[in-house]
Amino acid sequence: RFSLELWRFYESFQEPISLRTGTFSSQARRSSVRRQDLRVTLSGHYRLREVPALALSGFIEDGLNQVFALETGITVSDRPTWWSEDGRYFIYYAQDYQHWKVNGLRSAGGDGISSVRPGRRRAGCGFA
């Protein structure tokens, strides 16, 4: 069983501005504080199991030099994908080229998983 608590806290200050000059008032500062607090707790169960993995090394792109684990729930060209430990990169089978490619999520400078599926604009593209 696990329990994970995530929270975000924001705090901002507002200081009075002179309506006449549009600048901060020279009067004694009467700032007001605005606070926002968001908390989420996730809990559940997990099951440990062995997962096949590949260790890549020797690439100029450092993000590719890590372990990739098999993810049978996400497929491209009806084949499972392999995902990096940090979740930013994936290995997929490029049907049109008949070989495996490495690509990344858009946040990692890649094309994203949906863009590399057969028939999509970046099908068969990748870092390697």
Protein backbone atom coordinates (compact mmCIF):
# COMPACT_ATOMS: atom_id res chain seq x y z
CA ARG A 1 0.00 0.00 0.00
CA PHE A 2 1.19 3.54 -0.67
CA SER A 3 0.11 7.05 0.17
CA LEU A 4 1.42 10.11 -1.67
CA GLU A 5 0.61 13.67 -0.67
CA LEU A 6 1.16 16.48 -3.15
CA TRP A 7 0.67 20.11 -2.28
CA ARG A 8 1.18 23.50 -3.82
CA PHE A 9 1.24 26.77 -1.90
CA TYR A 10 1.03 30.23 -3.43
CA GLU A 11 1.44 33.51 -1.63
CA SER A 12 1.28 36.98 -3.15
CA PHE A 13 1.22 40.48 -1.72
CA GLN A 14 -0.76 43.45 -2.94
CA GLU A 15 0.29 46.94 -2.02
CA PRO A 16 -1.88 50.02 -2.45
CA ILE A 17 -1.24 52.09 -5.55
CA SER A 18 -2.06 55.75 -5.80
CA LEU A 19 -4.95 56.24 -8.20
CA ARG A 20 -3.66 59.71 -9.01
CA THR A 21 -0.07 58.81 -9.98
CA GLY A 22 -0.31 55.07 -10.71
CA THR A 23 2.66 54.40 -8.42
CA PHE A 24 3.00 52.89 -4.99
CA SER A 25 1.48 55.09 -2.36
CA SER A 26 3.88 57.00 -0.13
CA GLN A 27 1.55 56.41 2.80
CA ALA A 28 2.26 53.70 5.29
CA ARG A 29 2.11 50.41 3.45
CA ARG A 30 -1.01 48.43 4.07
CA SER A 31 -0.33 45.34 2.04
CA SER A 32 -2.77 42.50 1.84
CA VAL A 33 -1.73 38.88 1.57
CA ARG A 34 -3.44 36.37 -0.70
CA ARG A 35 -2.78 32.71 -0.05
CA GLN A 36 -3.87 29.68 -1.96
CA ASP A 37 -3.22 26.14 -0.80
CA LEU A 38 -3.94 23.02 -2.84
CA ARG A 39 -3.43 19.54 -1.41
CA VAL A 40 -4.09 16.17 -2.99
CA THR A 41 -3.56 12.79 -1.39
CA LEU A 42 -3.31 9.68 -3.53
CA SER A 43 -3.36 6.25 -2.00
CA GLY A 44 -3.70 2.74 -3.27
CA HIS A 45 -2.03 -0.60 -3.69
CA TYR A 46 0.79 -1.69 -5.93
CA ARG A 47 2.19 -5.03 -6.91
CA LEU A 48 5.86 -5.69 -7.41
CA ARG A 49 6.82 -7.67 -10.49
CA GLU A 50 9.84 -8.12 -12.65
CA VAL A 51 9.83 -6.13 -15.86
CA PRO A 52 12.13 -6.70 -18.84
CA ALA A 53 14.50 -3.77 -19.32
CA LEU A 54 17.18 -2.50 -21.71
CA ALA A 55 20.18 -0.38 -20.76
CA LEU A 56 21.27 2.04 -23.49
CA SER A 57 24.63 3.80 -23.52
CA GLY A 58 26.97 5.63 -25.86
CA PHE A 59 24.50 8.22 -27.19
CA ILE A 60 25.40 11.91 -27.51
CA GLU A 61 21.93 12.78 -26.15
CA ASP A 62 22.48 12.03 -22.44
CA GLY A 63 18.77 11.41 -21.84
CA LEU A 64 18.99 8.26 -23.94
CA ASN A 65 21.78 6.74 -21.83
CA GLN A 66 19.58 5.06 -19.24
CA VAL A 67 17.46 1.99 -18.55
CA PHE A 68 14.24 1.49 -20.53
CA ALA A 69 11.48 -0.77 -19.15
CA LEU A 70 8.89 -2.63 -21.21
CA GLU A 71 5.41 -1.06 -21.12
CA THR A 72 2.88 -3.43 -22.66
CA GLY A 73 -0.03 -1.04 -22.07
CA ILE A 74 1.23 1.56 -24.56
CA THR A 75 1.71 0.28 -28.10
CA VAL A 76 2.81 1.65 -31.46
CA SER A 77 2.32 -0.48 -34.59
CA ASP A 78 0.74 -3.16 -32.37
CA ARG A 79 4.01 -3.61 -30.46
CA PRO A 80 4.74 -2.63 -26.87
CA THR A 81 6.90 0.40 -26.13
CA TRP A 82 9.87 0.74 -23.78
CA TRP A 83 10.05 3.76 -21.45
CA SER A 84 13.04 5.43 -19.79
CA GLU A 85 13.37 5.55 -16.02
CA ASP A 86 12.61 9.28 -16.01
CA GLY A 87 9.55 8.78 -18.28
CA ARG A 88 10.75 11.31 -20.86
CA TYR A 89 11.95 8.96 -23.64
CA PHE A 90 10.49 5.88 -25.29
CA ILE A 91 11.50 3.19 -27.78
CA TYR A 92 8.90 2.19 -30.36
CA TYR A 93 8.67 0.02 -33.46
CA ALA A 94 8.50 2.06 -36.70
CA GLN A 95 6.40 -0.16 -38.99
CA ASP A 96 7.23 1.76 -42.20
CA TYR A 97 10.98 1.32 -41.63
CA GLN A 98 10.82 -2.14 -40.03
CA HIS A 99 13.07 -1.20 -37.10
CA TRP A 100 13.01 0.28 -33.62
CA LYS A 101 13.36 4.03 -32.95
CA VAL A 102 13.98 6.14 -29.85
CA ASN A 103 11.96 9.31 -29.41
CA GLY A 104 10.87 11.53 -26.55
CA LEU A 105 7.93 13.34 -25.11
CA ARG A 106 7.48 16.89 -26.34
CA SER A 107 8.66 18.18 -22.97
CA ALA A 108 11.97 16.39 -23.66
CA GLY A 109 12.35 17.87 -27.16
CA GLY A 110 10.82 14.86 -28.91
CA ASP A 111 7.76 14.36 -31.09
CA GLY A 112 5.51 12.71 -28.51
CA ILE A 113 3.95 9.27 -28.56
CA SER A 114 0.81 10.19 -30.54
CA SER A 115 2.85 11.84 -33.34
CA VAL A 116 4.91 8.72 -34.11
CA ARG A 117 2.02 6.29 -34.55
CA PRO A 118 1.54 4.89 -38.10
CA GLY A 119 -0.03 7.42 -40.44
CA ARG A 120 0.81 10.39 -38.23
CA ARG A 121 3.10 13.21 -39.36
CA ARG A 122 6.19 12.06 -37.39
CA ALA A 123 5.81 8.28 -37.88
CA GLY A 124 9.25 6.68 -38.05
CA CYS A 125 11.05 9.73 -36.62
CA GLY A 126 13.33 9.63 -33.63
CA PHE A 127 16.68 10.42 -32.08
CA ALA A 128 18.12 7.04 -32.99
